[in-house]
């Protein structure tokens, strides 16, 4: 293995001079976009549906899957309902 420190290599310079600054700029742009749309009701609804979908997925993961059982059917029905609600929210947002 080379004794040259990573930051002194061509790849290291590219990483520190271009890749990291580009990543920071992208995260800052994302943060600005989220801040700008935070009060948008459609975005708030989408966030709520995303939380509902996560809850439904967690319920399914916590359910012992037994084909034909009531608990399994309810867990899959909850996930299906969450997916449909998310799809409707996504179509309203754009």
Protein backbone atom coordinates (compact mmCIF):
# COMPACT_ATOMS: atom_id res chain seq x y z
CA UNK A 1 0.00 0.00 0.00
CA UNK A 2 1.18 3.50 -0.78
CA UNK A 3 2.64 5.63 1.99
CA UNK A 4 1.16 8.77 0.41
CA UNK A 5 -1.62 10.23 2.57
CA UNK A 6 -5.03 10.13 0.89
CA UNK A 7 -5.43 13.92 0.81
CA UNK A 8 -2.22 14.18 -1.21
CA UNK A 9 -3.36 11.76 -3.92
CA UNK A 10 -5.21 12.85 -7.03
CA UNK A 11 -8.32 11.03 -5.81
CA UNK A 12 -8.00 12.62 -2.38
CA UNK A 13 -7.69 16.12 -3.82
CA UNK A 14 -10.74 15.51 -6.00
CA UNK A 15 -12.65 14.25 -2.98
CA UNK A 16 -11.79 17.19 -0.75
CA UNK A 17 -11.85 19.93 -3.39
CA UNK A 18 -14.88 18.85 -5.43
CA UNK A 19 -16.88 15.94 -4.00
CA UNK A 20 -17.26 17.18 -0.43
CA UNK A 21 -18.10 20.78 -1.42
CA UNK A 22 -20.66 19.46 -3.92
CA UNK A 23 -22.22 17.28 -1.22
CA UNK A 24 -22.39 20.20 1.20
CA UNK A 25 -23.99 22.40 -1.46
CA UNK A 26 -26.58 19.71 -2.25
CA UNK A 27 -27.49 19.28 1.43
CA UNK A 28 -27.79 23.05 1.87
CA UNK A 29 -30.05 23.26 -1.19
CA UNK A 30 -32.19 20.41 0.15
CA UNK A 31 -32.47 22.13 3.54
CA UNK A 32 -33.55 25.38 1.85
CA UNK A 33 -36.15 23.54 -0.24
CA UNK A 34 -37.61 21.80 2.80
CA UNK A 35 -37.69 25.07 4.74
CA UNK A 36 -39.42 26.81 1.83
CA UNK A 37 -42.14 24.15 1.52
CA UNK A 38 -42.62 23.44 5.20
CA UNK A 39 -45.84 25.45 5.37
CA UNK A 40 -47.24 23.94 2.14
CA UNK A 41 -50.31 21.89 3.14
CA UNK A 42 -49.64 19.30 0.42
CA UNK A 43 -46.14 18.72 1.79
CA UNK A 44 -47.52 18.42 5.31
CA UNK A 45 -50.08 15.86 4.11
CA UNK A 46 -47.36 13.94 2.29
CA UNK A 47 -45.25 13.89 5.45
CA UNK A 48 -48.23 12.61 7.46
CA UNK A 49 -48.91 9.86 4.91
CA UNK A 50 -45.21 8.90 5.00
CA UNK A 51 -45.42 8.52 8.78
CA UNK A 52 -48.61 6.43 8.40
CA UNK A 53 -46.88 4.24 5.84
CA UNK A 54 -43.91 3.73 8.16
CA UNK A 55 -46.28 2.79 10.98
CA UNK A 56 -48.06 0.26 8.76
CA UNK A 57 -44.77 -1.25 7.62
CA UNK A 58 -43.57 -1.55 11.24
CA UNK A 59 -46.83 -3.26 12.19
CA UNK A 60 -46.37 -5.73 9.36
CA UNK A 61 -42.78 -6.38 10.39
CA UNK A 62 -43.88 -6.98 13.99
CA UNK A 63 -46.63 -9.41 12.95
CA UNK A 64 -45.93 -13.10 12.79
CA UNK A 65 -46.83 -13.94 9.22
CA UNK A 66 -49.23 -16.86 9.24
CA UNK A 67 -51.02 -17.31 5.90
CA UNK A 68 -54.75 -16.87 6.31
CA UNK A 69 -54.60 -15.50 9.86
CA UNK A 70 -56.61 -12.44 10.84
CA UNK A 71 -53.51 -10.60 12.17
CA UNK A 72 -51.62 -11.20 8.93
CA UNK A 73 -54.56 -10.02 6.81
CA UNK A 74 -54.97 -6.88 8.93
CA UNK A 75 -51.25 -6.09 8.76
CA UNK A 76 -51.17 -6.42 4.97
CA UNK A 77 -54.43 -4.44 4.65
CA UNK A 78 -52.86 -1.65 6.73
CA UNK A 79 -49.79 -1.60 4.51
CA UNK A 80 -51.94 -1.58 1.37
CA UNK A 81 -54.02 1.33 2.71
CA UNK A 82 -50.85 3.22 3.60
CA UNK A 83 -49.43 2.71 0.13
CA UNK A 84 -52.63 3.92 -1.53
CA UNK A 85 -52.77 7.01 0.70
CA UNK A 86 -49.14 7.77 -0.10
CA UNK A 87 -49.80 7.38 -3.83
CA UNK A 88 -52.76 9.80 -3.63
CA UNK A 89 -50.65 12.32 -1.69
CA UNK A 90 -47.83 12.05 -4.21
CA UNK A 91 -50.14 12.72 -7.13
CA UNK A 92 -51.47 15.86 -5.39
CA UNK A 93 -47.95 17.17 -4.69
CA UNK A 94 -46.88 16.77 -8.26
